[in-house]
Amino acid sequence: MLFTKKEKGIIIFIGSFVLLGSFWILLNKIYFKRTPKNVENYNKNIQAYVESENDNTSKIVNNNSTKEAIISEKKVNNEKKEPKTQKNSAKLAKKININTGNIEELKKIPYIGPSKAKKIIIYREKNGKFKTCKEIINVSGIGDKTFEKIRDLIDI
């Protein structure tokens, strides 16, 4: 006997997983190719994502090419951004009202990007206007440290 019963069982077990893995790869290559309809839906989803992330300020991507959509998304996300430091606070001539500010105004506050600005607006719509500036720490992603950095730049 070349192998014991236990060793044969292990070899069969490993071999079955190798065969199943090969079969799965073959199925993916043959049956799960992207059809033109799937590519079109994929492009629409990318376009919707780019528009939502950039608040309709990004260029609309071409629906005919997935590569162009991905490249456009990367270009929008890789645009040069000013570092969010205390130097930017000098650019604010007046305090930003967090109860009435839109996304563009809220993004002018240092440490507040597009996603946090959206969260502020969603919180405001859900819970009503902020009663105090300190209440902004209830917004997801804004804690005590961020509040301390922006407290002199916001108003209600």
C-alpha atoms as a PDB file:
ATOM      1  CA  MET A   1       0.000   0.000   0.000  1.00  0.00           C
ATOM      2  CA  LEU A   2       1.280   3.343  -1.060  1.00  0.00           C
ATOM      3  CA  PHE A   3      -1.079   5.494   1.038  1.00  0.00           C
ATOM      4  CA  THR A   4      -3.040   4.781   4.195  1.00  0.00           C
ATOM      5  CA  LYS A   5      -6.812   5.138   4.270  1.00  0.00           C
ATOM      6  CA  LYS A   6      -6.521   8.474   6.071  1.00  0.00           C
ATOM      7  CA  GLU A   7      -4.026   9.857   3.535  1.00  0.00           C
ATOM      8  CA  LYS A   8      -6.262   8.777   0.636  1.00  0.00           C
ATOM      9  CA  GLY A   9      -9.173  10.625   2.234  1.00  0.00           C
ATOM     10  CA  ILE A  10      -7.113  13.811   2.565  1.00  0.00           C
ATOM     11  CA  ILE A  11      -5.903  13.562  -1.061  1.00  0.00           C
ATOM     12  CA  ILE A  12      -9.471  13.091  -2.307  1.00  0.00           C
ATOM     13  CA  PHE A  13     -10.656  16.016  -0.163  1.00  0.00           C
ATOM     14  CA  ILE A  14      -7.966  18.387  -1.504  1.00  0.00           C
ATOM     15  CA  GLY A  15      -8.418  17.155  -5.055  1.00  0.00           C
ATOM     16  CA  SER A  16     -12.168  17.787  -4.919  1.00  0.00           C
ATOM     17  CA  PHE A  17     -11.588  21.408  -3.876  1.00  0.00           C
ATOM     18  CA  VAL A  18      -9.094  21.904  -6.704  1.00  0.00           C
ATOM     19  CA  LEU A  19     -11.602  20.501  -9.192  1.00  0.00           C
ATOM     20  CA  LEU A  20     -14.450  22.638  -7.796  1.00  0.00           C
ATOM     21  CA  GLY A  21     -12.271  25.756  -7.934  1.00  0.00           C
ATOM     22  CA  SER A  22     -11.289  25.065 -11.526  1.00  0.00           C
ATOM     23  CA  PHE A  23     -14.925  24.463 -12.454  1.00  0.00           C
ATOM     24  CA  TRP A  24     -15.948  27.764 -10.810  1.00  0.00           C
ATOM     25  CA  ILE A  25     -13.283  29.718 -12.716  1.00  0.00           C
ATOM     26  CA  LEU A  26     -14.381  28.090 -15.965  1.00  0.00           C
ATOM     27  CA  LEU A  27     -18.027  28.992 -15.284  1.00  0.00           C
ATOM     28  CA  ASN A  28     -17.098  32.602 -14.552  1.00  0.00           C
ATOM     29  CA  LYS A  29     -15.130  32.904 -17.778  1.00  0.00           C
ATOM     30  CA  ILE A  30     -17.812  31.310 -19.963  1.00  0.00           C
ATOM     31  CA  TYR A  31     -21.205  32.190 -18.491  1.00  0.00           C
ATOM     32  CA  PHE A  32     -20.740  35.344 -16.464  1.00  0.00           C
ATOM     33  CA  LYS A  33     -19.287  37.628 -19.111  1.00  0.00           C
ATOM     34  CA  ARG A  34     -20.531  41.207 -19.186  1.00  0.00           C
ATOM     35  CA  THR A  35     -23.180  41.685 -21.788  1.00  0.00           C
ATOM     36  CA  PRO A  36     -23.701  45.105 -23.392  1.00  0.00           C
ATOM     37  CA  LYS A  37     -26.818  45.562 -21.256  1.00  0.00           C
ATOM     38  CA  ASN A  38     -24.868  44.886 -18.055  1.00  0.00           C
ATOM     39  CA  VAL A  39     -22.123  47.311 -19.117  1.00  0.00           C
ATOM     40  CA  GLU A  40     -24.718  50.020 -19.777  1.00  0.00           C
ATOM     41  CA  ASN A  41     -26.253  49.537 -16.315  1.00  0.00           C
ATOM     42  CA  TYR A  42     -22.783  49.544 -14.773  1.00  0.00           C
ATOM     43  CA  ASN A  43     -21.976  52.839 -16.501  1.00  0.00           C
ATOM     44  CA  LYS A  44     -25.233  54.378 -15.260  1.00  0.00           C
ATOM     45  CA  ASN A  45     -24.409  53.298 -11.702  1.00  0.00           C
ATOM     46  CA  ILE A  46     -20.952  54.855 -11.932  1.00  0.00           C
ATOM     47  CA  GLN A  47     -22.449  58.066 -13.301  1.00  0.00           C
ATOM     48  CA  ALA A  48     -24.976  58.216 -10.458  1.00  0.00           C
ATOM     49  CA  TYR A  49     -22.195  57.608  -7.927  1.00  0.00           C
ATOM     50  CA  VAL A  50     -19.961  60.334  -9.365  1.00  0.00           C
ATOM     51  CA  GLU A  51     -22.837  62.809  -9.425  1.00  0.00           C
ATOM     52  CA  SER A  52     -23.905  62.037  -5.863  1.00  0.00           C
ATOM     53  CA  GLU A  53     -20.370  62.201  -4.485  1.00  0.00           C
ATOM     54  CA  ASN A  54     -19.637  65.516  -6.119  1.00  0.00           C
ATOM     55  CA  ASP A  55     -23.064  67.091  -5.666  1.00  0.00           C
ATOM     56  CA  ASN A  56     -23.784  67.355  -9.377  1.00  0.00           C
ATOM     57  CA  THR A  57     -20.685  69.490  -9.938  1.00  0.00           C
ATOM     58  CA  SER A  58     -18.683  66.792 -11.707  1.00  0.00           C
ATOM     59  CA  LYS A  59     -18.610  66.306 -15.429  1.00  0.00           C
ATOM     60  CA  ILE A  60     -21.131  63.722 -16.589  1.00  0.00           C
ATOM     61  CA  VAL A  61     -19.288  60.635 -17.684  1.00  0.00           C
ATOM     62  CA  ASN A  62     -19.792  59.013 -21.048  1.00  0.00           C
ATOM     63  CA  ASN A  63     -22.380  56.217 -20.895  1.00  0.00           C
ATOM     64  CA  ASN A  64     -20.661  54.245 -23.668  1.00  0.00           C
ATOM     65  CA  SER A  65     -17.386  53.412 -21.949  1.00  0.00           C
ATOM     66  CA  THR A  66     -16.672  51.902 -18.550  1.00  0.00           C
ATOM     67  CA  LYS A  67     -13.031  52.946 -18.777  1.00  0.00           C
ATOM     68  CA  GLU A  68     -13.962  56.584 -19.394  1.00  0.00           C
ATOM     69  CA  ALA A  69     -16.354  56.492 -16.443  1.00  0.00           C
ATOM     70  CA  ILE A  70     -13.703  55.146 -14.099  1.00  0.00           C
ATOM     71  CA  ILE A  71     -11.074  57.594 -15.389  1.00  0.00           C
ATOM     72  CA  SER A  72     -13.474  60.530 -14.983  1.00  0.00           C
ATOM     73  CA  GLU A  73     -14.287  59.427 -11.443  1.00  0.00           C
ATOM     74  CA  LYS A  74     -10.592  59.231 -10.575  1.00  0.00           C
ATOM     75  CA  LYS A  75      -9.912  62.674 -12.088  1.00  0.00           C
ATOM     76  CA  VAL A  76     -12.705  64.224 -10.021  1.00  0.00           C
ATOM     77  CA  ASN A  77     -11.476  62.557  -6.833  1.00  0.00           C
ATOM     78  CA  ASN A  78      -7.823  63.441  -7.503  1.00  0.00           C
ATOM     79  CA  GLU A  79      -8.372  67.159  -8.031  1.00  0.00           C
ATOM     80  CA  LYS A  80      -6.016  69.228  -5.946  1.00  0.00           C
ATOM     81  CA  LYS A  81      -7.578  70.057  -2.610  1.00  0.00           C
ATOM     82  CA  GLU A  82      -6.370  72.711  -0.257  1.00  0.00           C
ATOM     83  CA  PRO A  83      -5.029  71.312   2.979  1.00  0.00           C
ATOM     84  CA  LYS A  84      -7.536  71.726   5.753  1.00  0.00           C
ATOM     85  CA  THR A  85      -5.527  73.708   8.254  1.00  0.00           C
ATOM     86  CA  GLN A  86      -6.065  76.693  10.456  1.00  0.00           C
ATOM     87  CA  LYS A  87      -4.719  78.880   7.600  1.00  0.00           C
ATOM     88  CA  ASN A  88      -7.967  78.231   5.719  1.00  0.00           C
ATOM     89  CA  SER A  89      -9.954  79.725   8.585  1.00  0.00           C
ATOM     90  CA  ALA A  90      -8.541  83.129   7.697  1.00  0.00           C
ATOM     91  CA  LYS A  91     -10.246  82.872   4.302  1.00  0.00           C
ATOM     92  CA  LEU A  92     -13.687  82.829   5.950  1.00  0.00           C
ATOM     93  CA  ALA A  93     -14.810  86.424   6.155  1.00  0.00           C
ATOM     94  CA  LYS A  94     -17.821  85.538   8.287  1.00  0.00           C
ATOM     95  CA  LYS A  95     -19.065  82.566  10.246  1.00  0.00           C
ATOM     96  CA  ILE A  96     -20.948  79.877   8.389  1.00  0.00           C
ATOM     97  CA  ASN A  97     -24.498  79.288   9.598  1.00  0.00           C
ATOM     98  CA  ILE A  98     -24.894  75.543  10.039  1.00  0.00           C
ATOM     99  CA  ASN A  99     -28.690  75.839  10.077  1.00  0.00           C
ATOM    100  CA  THR A 100     -28.954  77.482   6.660  1.00  0.00           C
ATOM    101  CA  GLY A 101     -25.696  76.597   4.906  1.00  0.00           C
ATOM    102  CA  ASN A 102     -25.759  74.433   1.797  1.00  0.00           C
ATOM    103  CA  ILE A 103     -23.109  71.848   0.922  1.00  0.00           C
ATOM    104  CA  GLU A 104     -20.852  74.365  -0.832  1.00  0.00           C
ATOM    105  CA  GLU A 105     -20.921  76.770   2.134  1.00  0.00           C
ATOM    106  CA  LEU A 106     -20.359  74.004   4.683  1.00  0.00           C
ATOM    107  CA  LYS A 107     -17.399  72.657   2.689  1.00  0.00           C
ATOM    108  CA  LYS A 108     -15.654  76.005   3.218  1.00  0.00           C
ATOM    109  CA  ILE A 109     -15.290  75.147   6.900  1.00  0.00           C
ATOM    110  CA  PRO A 110     -11.897  73.490   7.544  1.00  0.00           C
ATOM    111  CA  TYR A 111     -12.130  69.764   8.360  1.00  0.00           C
ATOM    112  CA  ILE A 112     -15.597  69.574   6.734  1.00  0.00           C
ATOM    113  CA  GLY A 113     -15.565  67.882   3.346  1.00  0.00           C
ATOM    114  CA  PRO A 114     -18.439  66.967   1.031  1.00  0.00           C
ATOM    115  CA  SER A 115     -19.452  63.853   2.962  1.00  0.00           C
ATOM    116  CA  LYS A 116     -19.529  65.582   6.357  1.00  0.00           C
ATOM    117  CA  ALA A 117     -21.411  68.511   4.811  1.00  0.00           C
ATOM    118  CA  LYS A 118     -24.037  66.064   3.532  1.00  0.00           C
ATOM    119  CA  LYS A 119     -24.223  64.444   6.966  1.00  0.00           C
ATOM    120  CA  ILE A 120     -24.785  67.857   8.570  1.00  0.00           C
ATOM    121  CA  ILE A 121     -27.632  68.609   6.176  1.00  0.00           C
ATOM    122  CA  ILE A 122     -29.185  65.157   6.661  1.00  0.00           C
ATOM    123  CA  TYR A 123     -28.958  65.550  10.446  1.00  0.00           C
ATOM    124  CA  ARG A 124     -30.518  69.026  10.195  1.00  0.00           C
ATOM    125  CA  GLU A 125     -33.401  67.738   8.049  1.00  0.00           C
ATOM    126  CA  LYS A 126     -33.993  64.774  10.342  1.00  0.00           C
ATOM    127  CA  ASN A 127     -33.722  66.513  13.727  1.00  0.00           C
ATOM    128  CA  GLY A 128     -34.572  70.121  12.945  1.00  0.00           C
ATOM    129  CA  LYS A 129     -32.327  73.140  13.237  1.00  0.00           C
ATOM    130  CA  PHE A 130     -29.341  73.095  15.548  1.00  0.00           C
ATOM    131  CA  LYS A 131     -30.142  74.761  18.868  1.00  0.00           C
ATOM    132  CA  THR A 132     -26.473  75.282  19.767  1.00  0.00           C
ATOM    133  CA  CYS A 133     -23.220  75.087  17.834  1.00  0.00           C
ATOM    134  CA  LYS A 134     -22.048  72.288  20.144  1.00  0.00           C
ATOM    135  CA  GLU A 135     -24.921  70.124  18.873  1.00  0.00           C
ATOM    136  CA  ILE A 136     -22.900  69.558  15.683  1.00  0.00           C
ATOM    137  CA  ILE A 137     -20.939  66.854  17.533  1.00  0.00           C
ATOM    138  CA  ASN A 138     -24.056  64.659  17.221  1.00  0.00           C
ATOM    139  CA  VAL A 139     -23.357  64.451  13.477  1.00  0.00           C
ATOM    140  CA  SER A 140     -21.538  61.243  12.569  1.00  0.00           C
ATOM    141  CA  GLY A 141     -17.848  61.950  11.923  1.00  0.00           C
ATOM    142  CA  ILE A 142     -17.698  65.190  13.893  1.00  0.00           C
ATOM    143  CA  GLY A 143     -16.435  64.823  17.421  1.00  0.00           C
ATOM    144  CA  ASP A 144     -15.177  67.050  20.191  1.00  0.00           C
ATOM    145  CA  LYS A 145     -11.752  67.569  18.576  1.00  0.00           C
ATOM    146  CA  THR A 146     -13.235  68.683  15.251  1.00  0.00           C
ATOM    147  CA  PHE A 147     -15.722  70.910  17.059  1.00  0.00           C
ATOM    148  CA  GLU A 148     -12.922  72.618  18.979  1.00  0.00           C
ATOM    149  CA  LYS A 149     -11.128  73.351  15.682  1.00  0.00           C
ATOM    150  CA  ILE A 150     -14.212  74.840  13.977  1.00  0.00           C
ATOM    151  CA  ARG A 151     -16.184  76.376  16.858  1.00  0.00           C
ATOM    152  CA  ASP A 152     -15.089  79.934  15.979  1.00  0.00           C
ATOM    153  CA  LEU A 153     -16.039  79.461  12.310  1.00  0.00           C
ATOM    154  CA  ILE A 154     -19.648  78.312  12.711  1.00  0.00           C
ATOM    155  CA  ASP A 155     -22.833  79.975  13.853  1.00  0.00           C
ATOM    156  CA  ILE A 156     -26.495  79.029  14.290  1.00  0.00           C
END
